[in-house]
C-alpha cells in the first residue's frame, strides 16, 4: 500500500482540482498526441465516472520557447482518450475561469489554461510562499480536494504542484501511484547478478540523481536522450547541431558542465554512452550515424 492517499480514498461527489503533466511536442503550433494523454486519461475518467466535478491544470513549454502555447489543443486530445468532452477555458484563475468552474456539473471535466501563463506559477519558492499566492488563494476555496497526477513534474516548486497541497486535502492520481510503486519496487529489490539500467531524459541533473540513488544496486548505466548527449560532449564527442532544440542543450551544458564532467570522471567505468545517434536525413527519413562520424556541422539530430 502506498504511504499516501489515492483517489480510491476520495469521498464521492466533490469538486476536485487535478494537476496533470500534458507537456508535449508541438508541431506547427499544435500539440502532438502521445502516451501522456493516454495515461492521465485513466485518472480523469475514474474521477468523472465517480460523479466528481473535475478541473484540470497542466503546463506546456516555458515562456520564451517555441513550445510555449495554449492548452486548447490538449483538451481535445485528452477528451478523445477519456471518452468524454473535456471543456477548455483560456484562463487560469480570472473571472472567466471561475465562472466556468462554478458552472461545471457532476461528471464534467474542465481544463484550465497553461499554468505557466500565470505569473504566480514559475518562480521557485517555498510551498508556504506558493500557498499564499493569489493563484492558490483564489482557486483553492472552490474545491474540496487536490489530486496530483503529474509525477514527471512533481519535483518542481511551482504553485500548481506545491501550493495547493497546503490548502486542500490531497490525493495521488493513477500515474503518480503507479510510478511511485514502480520506483519503490526498484529501490527496495535485491537483484541477483550484475544490473544494467537504461536511463534517458532531458535533464542531466535528474539522471545524475537517479545514478546517485541507485549507485549501490546498479553496476552499469546506459545513458540516452539529451542527458546522454551531454555526457557524450563531456567525453569530447561532438553530437552535431540540433536544428530544433539546441538552445535547451546549450543551456544545460553551460549550467551543468562541471557536474557532468566530474560524474563522468568519477564513474566512467560504470557509464556506457551511445555508439550512434539518430538523425533526420535529407529525405526526412531516420538515419543512424556512428558517433565517430559526427562533427559539429552535422545537422538535424532527433
C-alpha atoms as a PDB file:
ATOM      1  CA  UNK A   1       0.000   0.000   0.000  1.00  0.00           C
ATOM      2  CA  UNK A   2       1.321   3.484  -0.831  1.00  0.00           C
ATOM      3  CA  UNK A   3       2.197   5.757   2.065  1.00  0.00           C
ATOM      4  CA  UNK A   4      -0.317   8.379   0.927  1.00  0.00           C
ATOM      5  CA  UNK A   5      -3.979   8.694  -0.019  1.00  0.00           C
ATOM      6  CA  UNK A   6      -5.004   7.925  -3.598  1.00  0.00           C
ATOM      7  CA  UNK A   7      -8.183   8.697  -5.498  1.00  0.00           C
ATOM      8  CA  UNK A   8      -9.570   5.457  -4.068  1.00  0.00           C
ATOM      9  CA  UNK A   9      -9.774   7.319  -0.742  1.00  0.00           C
ATOM     10  CA  UNK A  10     -11.554  10.358  -2.185  1.00  0.00           C
ATOM     11  CA  UNK A  11     -15.134  10.892  -0.939  1.00  0.00           C
ATOM     12  CA  UNK A  12     -17.796  10.969  -3.666  1.00  0.00           C
ATOM     13  CA  UNK A  13     -19.369  13.960  -5.407  1.00  0.00           C
ATOM     14  CA  UNK A  14     -16.605  16.506  -4.831  1.00  0.00           C
ATOM     15  CA  UNK A  15     -15.102  19.422  -6.709  1.00  0.00           C
ATOM     16  CA  UNK A  16     -11.629  18.142  -7.498  1.00  0.00           C
ATOM     17  CA  UNK A  17      -8.633  20.114  -8.771  1.00  0.00           C
ATOM     18  CA  UNK A  18      -6.219  17.847 -10.641  1.00  0.00           C
ATOM     19  CA  UNK A  19      -2.651  18.560 -11.754  1.00  0.00           C
ATOM     20  CA  UNK A  20      -1.553  16.629 -14.852  1.00  0.00           C
ATOM     21  CA  UNK A  21       1.620  16.754 -16.937  1.00  0.00           C
ATOM     22  CA  UNK A  22       0.481  17.109 -20.554  1.00  0.00           C
ATOM     23  CA  UNK A  23       3.692  18.799 -21.734  1.00  0.00           C
ATOM     24  CA  UNK A  24       4.078  17.519 -25.297  1.00  0.00           C
ATOM     25  CA  UNK A  25       5.954  18.005 -28.558  1.00  0.00           C
ATOM     26  CA  UNK A  26       4.445  20.888 -30.546  1.00  0.00           C
ATOM     27  CA  UNK A  27       4.439  20.983 -34.348  1.00  0.00           C
ATOM     28  CA  UNK A  28       3.121  23.999 -36.262  1.00  0.00           C
ATOM     29  CA  UNK A  29       1.636  25.298 -33.039  1.00  0.00           C
ATOM     30  CA  UNK A  30      -0.326  22.117 -32.322  1.00  0.00           C
ATOM     31  CA  UNK A  31       0.349  19.595 -29.518  1.00  0.00           C
ATOM     32  CA  UNK A  32       1.064  16.060 -30.672  1.00  0.00           C
ATOM     33  CA  UNK A  33      -0.791  13.110 -29.205  1.00  0.00           C
ATOM     34  CA  UNK A  34       1.390  10.891 -27.035  1.00  0.00           C
ATOM     35  CA  UNK A  35       1.207   8.375 -24.216  1.00  0.00           C
ATOM     36  CA  UNK A  36       0.930  11.034 -21.521  1.00  0.00           C
ATOM     37  CA  UNK A  37      -2.643  11.733 -22.602  1.00  0.00           C
ATOM     38  CA  UNK A  38      -3.486   8.046 -22.536  1.00  0.00           C
ATOM     39  CA  UNK A  39      -2.046   7.522 -19.056  1.00  0.00           C
ATOM     40  CA  UNK A  40      -3.642  10.593 -17.476  1.00  0.00           C
ATOM     41  CA  UNK A  41      -6.972   9.743 -19.102  1.00  0.00           C
ATOM     42  CA  UNK A  42      -7.411   6.902 -16.630  1.00  0.00           C
ATOM     43  CA  UNK A  43      -7.320   9.269 -13.656  1.00  0.00           C
ATOM     44  CA  UNK A  44      -9.637  11.781 -15.314  1.00  0.00           C
ATOM     45  CA  UNK A  45     -12.081   9.090 -16.441  1.00  0.00           C
ATOM     46  CA  UNK A  46     -12.315   7.489 -12.997  1.00  0.00           C
ATOM     47  CA  UNK A  47     -12.925  10.826 -11.308  1.00  0.00           C
ATOM     48  CA  UNK A  48     -15.593  11.836 -13.816  1.00  0.00           C
ATOM     49  CA  UNK A  49     -17.330   8.461 -13.661  1.00  0.00           C
ATOM     50  CA  UNK A  50     -17.443   8.780  -9.863  1.00  0.00           C
ATOM     51  CA  UNK A  51     -19.511  11.942 -10.300  1.00  0.00           C
ATOM     52  CA  UNK A  52     -16.856  14.455  -9.312  1.00  0.00           C
ATOM     53  CA  UNK A  53     -16.636  17.890 -10.901  1.00  0.00           C
ATOM     54  CA  UNK A  54     -13.149  17.676 -12.369  1.00  0.00           C
ATOM     55  CA  UNK A  55     -10.969  20.714 -13.088  1.00  0.00           C
ATOM     56  CA  UNK A  56      -7.574  20.075 -14.639  1.00  0.00           C
ATOM     57  CA  UNK A  57      -4.334  22.046 -14.548  1.00  0.00           C
ATOM     58  CA  UNK A  58      -1.291  21.411 -16.748  1.00  0.00           C
ATOM     59  CA  UNK A  59       1.605  23.236 -18.356  1.00  0.00           C
ATOM     60  CA  UNK A  60       3.064  23.375 -21.853  1.00  0.00           C
ATOM     61  CA  UNK A  61       6.579  24.576 -22.584  1.00  0.00           C
ATOM     62  CA  UNK A  62       8.212  27.537 -20.937  1.00  0.00           C
ATOM     63  CA  UNK A  63       7.865  31.279 -21.655  1.00  0.00           C
ATOM     64  CA  UNK A  64      10.145  32.337 -24.491  1.00  0.00           C
ATOM     65  CA  UNK A  65      10.324  28.923 -26.161  1.00  0.00           C
ATOM     66  CA  UNK A  66       8.599  27.756 -29.312  1.00  0.00           C
ATOM     67  CA  UNK A  67       6.564  25.118 -27.486  1.00  0.00           C
ATOM     68  CA  UNK A  68       5.036  27.607 -25.048  1.00  0.00           C
ATOM     69  CA  UNK A  69       1.420  27.658 -26.127  1.00  0.00           C
ATOM     70  CA  UNK A  70      -2.219  27.390 -25.122  1.00  0.00           C
ATOM     71  CA  UNK A  71      -3.770  24.125 -23.904  1.00  0.00           C
ATOM     72  CA  UNK A  72      -6.805  24.353 -26.190  1.00  0.00           C
ATOM     73  CA  UNK A  73      -5.480  21.551 -28.392  1.00  0.00           C
ATOM     74  CA  UNK A  74      -4.591  19.440 -25.361  1.00  0.00           C
ATOM     75  CA  UNK A  75      -8.222  19.466 -24.222  1.00  0.00           C
ATOM     76  CA  UNK A  76      -9.377  17.930 -27.498  1.00  0.00           C
ATOM     77  CA  UNK A  77      -6.710  15.208 -27.448  1.00  0.00           C
ATOM     78  CA  UNK A  78      -7.359  14.361 -23.803  1.00  0.00           C
ATOM     79  CA  UNK A  79     -11.099  14.204 -24.431  1.00  0.00           C
ATOM     80  CA  UNK A  80     -10.555  11.582 -27.124  1.00  0.00           C
ATOM     81  CA  UNK A  81      -8.645   9.416 -24.650  1.00  0.00           C
ATOM     82  CA  UNK A  82     -11.043   9.960 -21.753  1.00  0.00           C
ATOM     83  CA  UNK A  83     -14.069   9.216 -23.916  1.00  0.00           C
ATOM     84  CA  UNK A  84     -15.981  12.334 -22.905  1.00  0.00           C
ATOM     85  CA  UNK A  85     -15.860  16.058 -23.569  1.00  0.00           C
ATOM     86  CA  UNK A  86     -13.071  17.994 -21.883  1.00  0.00           C
ATOM     87  CA  UNK A  87     -14.094  21.635 -21.798  1.00  0.00           C
ATOM     88  CA  UNK A  88     -11.435  24.333 -22.052  1.00  0.00           C
ATOM     89  CA  UNK A  89     -11.227  27.870 -20.726  1.00  0.00           C
ATOM     90  CA  UNK A  90      -8.465  30.264 -21.795  1.00  0.00           C
ATOM     91  CA  UNK A  91      -7.904  31.470 -18.239  1.00  0.00           C
ATOM     92  CA  UNK A  92      -6.333  30.120 -15.040  1.00  0.00           C
ATOM     93  CA  UNK A  93      -7.982  31.904 -12.113  1.00  0.00           C
ATOM     94  CA  UNK A  94      -9.627  35.046 -13.502  1.00  0.00           C
ATOM     95  CA  UNK A  95     -13.349  35.732 -13.819  1.00  0.00           C
ATOM     96  CA  UNK A  96     -13.709  33.553 -16.917  1.00  0.00           C
ATOM     97  CA  UNK A  97     -12.070  30.565 -15.231  1.00  0.00           C
ATOM     98  CA  UNK A  98     -14.083  30.980 -12.035  1.00  0.00           C
ATOM     99  CA  UNK A  99     -17.360  31.179 -13.959  1.00  0.00           C
ATOM    100  CA  UNK A 100     -16.507  28.008 -15.895  1.00  0.00           C
ATOM    101  CA  UNK A 101     -15.584  26.196 -12.676  1.00  0.00           C
ATOM    102  CA  UNK A 102     -18.798  27.248 -10.941  1.00  0.00           C
ATOM    103  CA  UNK A 103     -20.900  26.114 -13.927  1.00  0.00           C
ATOM    104  CA  UNK A 104     -19.399  22.623 -14.001  1.00  0.00           C
ATOM    105  CA  UNK A 105     -21.818  19.762 -13.407  1.00  0.00           C
ATOM    106  CA  UNK A 106     -21.286  16.337 -11.854  1.00  0.00           C
ATOM    107  CA  UNK A 107     -19.089  14.168 -14.075  1.00  0.00           C
ATOM    108  CA  UNK A 108     -17.982  17.096 -16.224  1.00  0.00           C
ATOM    109  CA  UNK A 109     -14.350  17.936 -16.947  1.00  0.00           C
ATOM    110  CA  UNK A 110     -12.717  21.333 -17.485  1.00  0.00           C
ATOM    111  CA  UNK A 111      -9.109  22.111 -18.440  1.00  0.00           C
ATOM    112  CA  UNK A 112      -7.720  25.481 -17.377  1.00  0.00           C
ATOM    113  CA  UNK A 113      -5.213  27.440 -19.439  1.00  0.00           C
ATOM    114  CA  UNK A 114      -1.461  26.724 -19.315  1.00  0.00           C
ATOM    115  CA  UNK A 115      -0.383  27.247 -15.696  1.00  0.00           C
ATOM    116  CA  UNK A 116       2.867  28.810 -16.883  1.00  0.00           C
ATOM    117  CA  UNK A 117       0.884  31.717 -18.305  1.00  0.00           C
ATOM    118  CA  UNK A 118       0.123  32.580 -14.681  1.00  0.00           C
ATOM    119  CA  UNK A 119       2.667  34.912 -13.042  1.00  0.00           C
ATOM    120  CA  UNK A 120       2.470  33.042  -9.728  1.00  0.00           C
ATOM    121  CA  UNK A 121       3.373  29.649 -11.169  1.00  0.00           C
ATOM    122  CA  UNK A 122       7.046  29.628 -12.118  1.00  0.00           C
ATOM    123  CA  UNK A 123       9.166  31.451  -9.515  1.00  0.00           C
ATOM    124  CA  UNK A 124      10.731  28.704  -7.378  1.00  0.00           C
ATOM    125  CA  UNK A 125       9.619  29.475  -3.828  1.00  0.00           C
ATOM    126  CA  UNK A 126       8.739  27.508  -0.720  1.00  0.00           C
ATOM    127  CA  UNK A 127       5.410  25.639  -0.553  1.00  0.00           C
ATOM    128  CA  UNK A 128       4.254  28.141   2.073  1.00  0.00           C
ATOM    129  CA  UNK A 129       5.011  31.062  -0.235  1.00  0.00           C
ATOM    130  CA  UNK A 130       3.247  29.337  -3.113  1.00  0.00           C
ATOM    131  CA  UNK A 131       0.198  28.600  -0.958  1.00  0.00           C
ATOM    132  CA  UNK A 132      -0.038  32.335  -0.245  1.00  0.00           C
ATOM    133  CA  UNK A 133      -0.125  33.364  -3.916  1.00  0.00           C
ATOM    134  CA  UNK A 134      -3.227  34.881  -5.487  1.00  0.00           C
ATOM    135  CA  UNK A 135      -3.386  31.879  -7.830  1.00  0.00           C
ATOM    136  CA  UNK A 136      -3.781  29.364  -4.983  1.00  0.00           C
ATOM    137  CA  UNK A 137      -5.813  31.566  -2.653  1.00  0.00           C
ATOM    138  CA  UNK A 138      -8.335  32.288  -5.420  1.00  0.00           C
ATOM    139  CA  UNK A 139      -8.818  28.732  -6.668  1.00  0.00           C
ATOM    140  CA  UNK A 140      -8.479  26.602  -3.530  1.00  0.00           C
ATOM    141  CA  UNK A 141     -11.719  27.731  -1.809  1.00  0.00           C
ATOM    142  CA  UNK A 142     -13.711  26.461  -4.782  1.00  0.00           C
ATOM    143  CA  UNK A 143     -12.519  22.867  -4.347  1.00  0.00           C
ATOM    144  CA  UNK A 144     -12.868  20.028  -1.884  1.00  0.00           C
ATOM    145  CA  UNK A 145      -9.711  18.152  -2.861  1.00  0.00           C
ATOM    146  CA  UNK A 146      -6.483  18.330  -4.846  1.00  0.00           C
ATOM    147  CA  UNK A 147      -5.133  15.413  -6.898  1.00  0.00           C
ATOM    148  CA  UNK A 148      -1.524  15.342  -8.096  1.00  0.00           C
ATOM    149  CA  UNK A 149      -1.043  13.060 -11.088  1.00  0.00           C
ATOM    150  CA  UNK A 150       1.931  14.969 -12.528  1.00  0.00           C
ATOM    151  CA  UNK A 151       4.667  12.586 -11.432  1.00  0.00           C
ATOM    152  CA  UNK A 152       7.147  13.839 -14.038  1.00  0.00           C
ATOM    153  CA  UNK A 153       6.787  17.439 -12.811  1.00  0.00           C
ATOM    154  CA  UNK A 154       6.319  16.777  -9.095  1.00  0.00           C
ATOM    155  CA  UNK A 155       9.880  17.775  -8.206  1.00  0.00           C
ATOM    156  CA  UNK A 156       9.235  21.389  -9.200  1.00  0.00           C
ATOM    157  CA  UNK A 157       8.429  24.111  -6.657  1.00  0.00           C
ATOM    158  CA  UNK A 158       5.624  25.570  -8.749  1.00  0.00           C
ATOM    159  CA  UNK A 159       2.344  26.874  -7.365  1.00  0.00           C
ATOM    160  CA  UNK A 160       0.166  24.251  -9.049  1.00  0.00           C
ATOM    161  CA  UNK A 161       2.342  21.491  -7.572  1.00  0.00           C
ATOM    162  CA  UNK A 162       3.312  22.584  -4.055  1.00  0.00           C
ATOM    163  CA  UNK A 163       0.876  25.358  -3.165  1.00  0.00           C
ATOM    164  CA  UNK A 164      -2.440  23.525  -3.322  1.00  0.00           C
ATOM    165  CA  UNK A 165      -1.457  20.573  -1.088  1.00  0.00           C
ATOM    166  CA  UNK A 166      -1.153  23.044   1.808  1.00  0.00           C
ATOM    167  CA  UNK A 167      -4.633  24.400   1.110  1.00  0.00           C
ATOM    168  CA  UNK A 168      -6.627  21.253   0.298  1.00  0.00           C
ATOM    169  CA  UNK A 169      -6.848  17.560   1.232  1.00  0.00           C
ATOM    170  CA  UNK A 170      -4.525  15.905  -1.282  1.00  0.00           C
ATOM    171  CA  UNK A 171      -4.534  12.611  -3.150  1.00  0.00           C
ATOM    172  CA  UNK A 172      -2.406  10.816  -5.720  1.00  0.00           C
ATOM    173  CA  UNK A 173      -3.750  10.076  -9.194  1.00  0.00           C
ATOM    174  CA  UNK A 174      -3.162   6.814 -11.042  1.00  0.00           C
ATOM    175  CA  UNK A 175       0.034   7.908 -12.798  1.00  0.00           C
ATOM    176  CA  UNK A 176       1.545   9.138  -9.535  1.00  0.00           C
ATOM    177  CA  UNK A 177       0.505   5.944  -7.755  1.00  0.00           C
ATOM    178  CA  UNK A 178       1.847   3.655 -10.489  1.00  0.00           C
ATOM    179  CA  UNK A 179       5.190   5.442 -10.800  1.00  0.00           C
ATOM    180  CA  UNK A 180       5.683   5.529  -7.039  1.00  0.00           C
ATOM    181  CA  UNK A 181       5.049   1.790  -6.765  1.00  0.00           C
ATOM    182  CA  UNK A 182       7.385   1.012  -9.683  1.00  0.00           C
ATOM    183  CA  UNK A 183      10.217   3.131  -8.318  1.00  0.00           C
ATOM    184  CA  UNK A 184       9.763   1.770  -4.811  1.00  0.00           C
ATOM    185  CA  UNK A 185       9.970  -1.776  -6.178  1.00  0.00           C
ATOM    186  CA  UNK A 186      13.266  -0.979  -7.913  1.00  0.00           C
ATOM    187  CA  UNK A 187      14.726   0.838  -4.907  1.00  0.00           C
ATOM    188  CA  UNK A 188      13.876  -1.953  -2.459  1.00  0.00           C
ATOM    189  CA  UNK A 189      14.502  -5.017  -4.613  1.00  0.00           C
ATOM    190  CA  UNK A 190      17.603  -7.141  -4.166  1.00  0.00           C
ATOM    191  CA  UNK A 191      18.951  -8.198  -7.571  1.00  0.00           C
ATOM    192  CA  UNK A 192      20.968 -11.318  -8.369  1.00  0.00           C
ATOM    193  CA  UNK A 193      23.976 -10.750 -10.617  1.00  0.00           C
ATOM    194  CA  UNK A 194      25.106  -7.611 -12.460  1.00  0.00           C
ATOM    195  CA  UNK A 195      22.418  -4.983 -13.037  1.00  0.00           C
ATOM    196  CA  UNK A 196      22.275  -2.635 -16.030  1.00  0.00           C
ATOM    197  CA  UNK A 197      19.897   0.332 -16.056  1.00  0.00           C
ATOM    198  CA  UNK A 198      18.925   2.308 -19.161  1.00  0.00           C
ATOM    199  CA  UNK A 199      18.410   5.966 -18.225  1.00  0.00           C
ATOM    200  CA  UNK A 200      17.195   8.689 -20.567  1.00  0.00           C
ATOM    201  CA  UNK A 201      15.575  12.078 -20.329  1.00  0.00           C
ATOM    202  CA  UNK A 202      16.147  15.747 -20.914  1.00  0.00           C
ATOM    203  CA  UNK A 203      17.665  16.887 -17.633  1.00  0.00           C
ATOM    204  CA  UNK A 204      21.185  15.759 -16.769  1.00  0.00           C
ATOM    205  CA  UNK A 205      20.730  16.631 -13.095  1.00  0.00           C
ATOM    206  CA  UNK A 206      17.756  14.261 -12.847  1.00  0.00           C
ATOM    207  CA  UNK A 207      19.742  11.454 -14.477  1.00  0.00           C
ATOM    208  CA  UNK A 208      22.629  12.041 -12.078  1.00  0.00           C
ATOM    209  CA  UNK A 209      20.150  11.973  -9.198  1.00  0.00           C
ATOM    210  CA  UNK A 210      18.934   8.535 -10.319  1.00  0.00           C
ATOM    211  CA  UNK A 211      22.517   7.325 -10.544  1.00  0.00           C
ATOM    212  CA  UNK A 212      23.237   8.610  -7.035  1.00  0.00           C
ATOM    213  CA  UNK A 213      20.136   6.951  -5.588  1.00  0.00           C
ATOM    214  CA  UNK A 214      20.788   3.561  -7.187  1.00  0.00           C
ATOM    215  CA  UNK A 215      24.570   3.545  -7.171  1.00  0.00           C
ATOM    216  CA  UNK A 216      24.813   0.569  -4.802  1.00  0.00           C
ATOM    217  CA  UNK A 217      22.282  -1.520  -6.748  1.00  0.00           C
ATOM    218  CA  UNK A 218      23.270  -0.836 -10.364  1.00  0.00           C
ATOM    219  CA  UNK A 219      26.552  -1.922 -11.932  1.00  0.00           C
ATOM    220  CA  UNK A 220      26.190  -0.160 -15.268  1.00  0.00           C
ATOM    221  CA  UNK A 221      24.187   2.806 -16.572  1.00  0.00           C
ATOM    222  CA  UNK A 222      23.356   3.116 -20.283  1.00  0.00           C
ATOM    223  CA  UNK A 223      22.669   6.811 -20.916  1.00  0.00           C
ATOM    224  CA  UNK A 224      20.376   8.083 -23.665  1.00  0.00           C
ATOM    225  CA  UNK A 225      18.309  11.134 -24.507  1.00  0.00           C
ATOM    226  CA  UNK A 226      19.551  14.694 -24.160  1.00  0.00           C
ATOM    227  CA  UNK A 227      21.364  13.754 -20.949  1.00  0.00           C
ATOM    228  CA  UNK A 228      23.252  11.030 -22.809  1.00  0.00           C
ATOM    229  CA  UNK A 229      24.249  13.533 -25.479  1.00  0.00           C
ATOM    230  CA  UNK A 230      25.509  15.930 -22.808  1.00  0.00           C
ATOM    231  CA  UNK A 231      27.687  13.152 -21.405  1.00  0.00           C
ATOM    232  CA  UNK A 232      28.944  12.438 -24.935  1.00  0.00           C
ATOM    233  CA  UNK A 233      30.003  16.067 -25.240  1.00  0.00           C
ATOM    234  CA  UNK A 234      31.734  15.837 -21.851  1.00  0.00           C
ATOM    235  CA  UNK A 235      33.641  12.834 -23.201  1.00  0.00           C
ATOM    236  CA  UNK A 236      34.880  15.011 -26.078  1.00  0.00           C
ATOM    237  CA  UNK A 237      32.455  13.683 -28.690  1.00  0.00           C
ATOM    238  CA  UNK A 238      30.618  16.238 -30.885  1.00  0.00           C
ATOM    239  CA  UNK A 239      26.914  15.468 -31.218  1.00  0.00           C
ATOM    240  CA  UNK A 240      26.135  17.731 -34.152  1.00  0.00           C
ATOM    241  CA  UNK A 241      23.774  20.645 -34.447  1.00  0.00           C
ATOM    242  CA  UNK A 242      20.125  20.215 -33.454  1.00  0.00           C
ATOM    243  CA  UNK A 243      18.135  22.476 -35.756  1.00  0.00           C
ATOM    244  CA  UNK A 244      15.154  22.354 -33.396  1.00  0.00           C
ATOM    245  CA  UNK A 245      16.259  22.482 -29.770  1.00  0.00           C
ATOM    246  CA  UNK A 246      19.899  23.465 -29.425  1.00  0.00           C
ATOM    247  CA  UNK A 247      19.024  26.267 -27.009  1.00  0.00           C
ATOM    248  CA  UNK A 248      17.929  23.724 -24.396  1.00  0.00           C
ATOM    249  CA  UNK A 249      21.023  21.600 -24.999  1.00  0.00           C
ATOM    250  CA  UNK A 250      23.438  24.541 -24.728  1.00  0.00           C
ATOM    251  CA  UNK A 251      21.631  25.918 -21.679  1.00  0.00           C
ATOM    252  CA  UNK A 252      22.041  22.628 -19.837  1.00  0.00           C
ATOM    253  CA  UNK A 253      25.646  22.315 -20.929  1.00  0.00           C
ATOM    254  CA  UNK A 254      26.584  25.736 -19.619  1.00  0.00           C
ATOM    255  CA  UNK A 255      24.737  25.182 -16.344  1.00  0.00           C
ATOM    256  CA  UNK A 256      25.879  21.612 -15.618  1.00  0.00           C
ATOM    257  CA  UNK A 257      29.148  21.157 -17.480  1.00  0.00           C
ATOM    258  CA  UNK A 258      31.389  20.829 -14.416  1.00  0.00           C
ATOM    259  CA  UNK A 259      28.985  18.430 -12.702  1.00  0.00           C
ATOM    260  CA  UNK A 260      28.670  16.217 -15.792  1.00  0.00           C
ATOM    261  CA  UNK A 261      32.422  16.149 -16.328  1.00  0.00           C
ATOM    262  CA  UNK A 262      33.066  15.250 -12.684  1.00  0.00           C
ATOM    263  CA  UNK A 263      30.485  12.432 -12.729  1.00  0.00           C
ATOM    264  CA  UNK A 264      31.969  11.059 -15.940  1.00  0.00           C
ATOM    265  CA  UNK A 265      35.448  11.217 -14.425  1.00  0.00           C
ATOM    266  CA  UNK A 266      34.400   9.509 -11.178  1.00  0.00           C
ATOM    267  CA  UNK A 267      32.045   6.910 -12.642  1.00  0.00           C
ATOM    268  CA  UNK A 268      33.339   6.436 -16.151  1.00  0.00           C
ATOM    269  CA  UNK A 269      33.721   2.681 -15.746  1.00  0.00           C
ATOM    270  CA  UNK A 270      30.025   2.321 -14.870  1.00  0.00           C
ATOM    271  CA  UNK A 271      28.697   4.585 -17.637  1.00  0.00           C
ATOM    272  CA  UNK A 272      28.048   3.475 -21.211  1.00  0.00           C
ATOM    273  CA  UNK A 273      27.342   6.099 -23.860  1.00  0.00           C
ATOM    274  CA  UNK A 274      25.682   5.801 -27.249  1.00  0.00           C
ATOM    275  CA  UNK A 275      27.646   4.346 -30.146  1.00  0.00           C
ATOM    276  CA  UNK A 276      25.378   6.070 -32.673  1.00  0.00           C
ATOM    277  CA  UNK A 277      22.752   8.819 -32.815  1.00  0.00           C
ATOM    278  CA  UNK A 278      19.532   9.074 -34.806  1.00  0.00           C
ATOM    279  CA  UNK A 279      19.289  11.924 -37.285  1.00  0.00           C
ATOM    280  CA  UNK A 280      16.707  13.163 -39.728  1.00  0.00           C
ATOM    281  CA  UNK A 281      18.225  12.547 -43.133  1.00  0.00           C
ATOM    282  CA  UNK A 282      17.878  14.805 -46.206  1.00  0.00           C
ATOM    283  CA  UNK A 283      14.723  12.966 -47.301  1.00  0.00           C
ATOM    284  CA  UNK A 284      13.157  13.147 -43.853  1.00  0.00           C
ATOM    285  CA  UNK A 285      13.873   9.517 -43.030  1.00  0.00           C
ATOM    286  CA  UNK A 286      15.640   8.313 -39.909  1.00  0.00           C
ATOM    287  CA  UNK A 287      19.376   7.827 -40.247  1.00  0.00           C
ATOM    288  CA  UNK A 288      21.544   6.235 -37.569  1.00  0.00           C
ATOM    289  CA  UNK A 289      25.048   7.672 -37.637  1.00  0.00           C
ATOM    290  CA  UNK A 290      28.021   6.241 -35.686  1.00  0.00           C
ATOM    291  CA  UNK A 291      29.293   8.838 -33.229  1.00  0.00           C
ATOM    292  CA  UNK A 292      32.795   8.743 -34.708  1.00  0.00           C
ATOM    293  CA  UNK A 293      31.332  10.063 -37.991  1.00  0.00           C
ATOM    294  CA  UNK A 294      29.640  13.058 -36.347  1.00  0.00           C
ATOM    295  CA  UNK A 295      31.054  16.557 -36.107  1.00  0.00           C
ATOM    296  CA  UNK A 296      29.585  19.894 -35.040  1.00  0.00           C
ATOM    297  CA  UNK A 297      28.416  20.589 -38.610  1.00  0.00           C
ATOM    298  CA  UNK A 298      26.158  17.550 -38.689  1.00  0.00           C
ATOM    299  CA  UNK A 299      22.595  18.903 -38.628  1.00  0.00           C
ATOM    300  CA  UNK A 300      19.196  17.632 -37.641  1.00  0.00           C
ATOM    301  CA  UNK A 301      19.703  15.112 -34.875  1.00  0.00           C
ATOM    302  CA  UNK A 302      16.415  13.976 -33.328  1.00  0.00           C
END
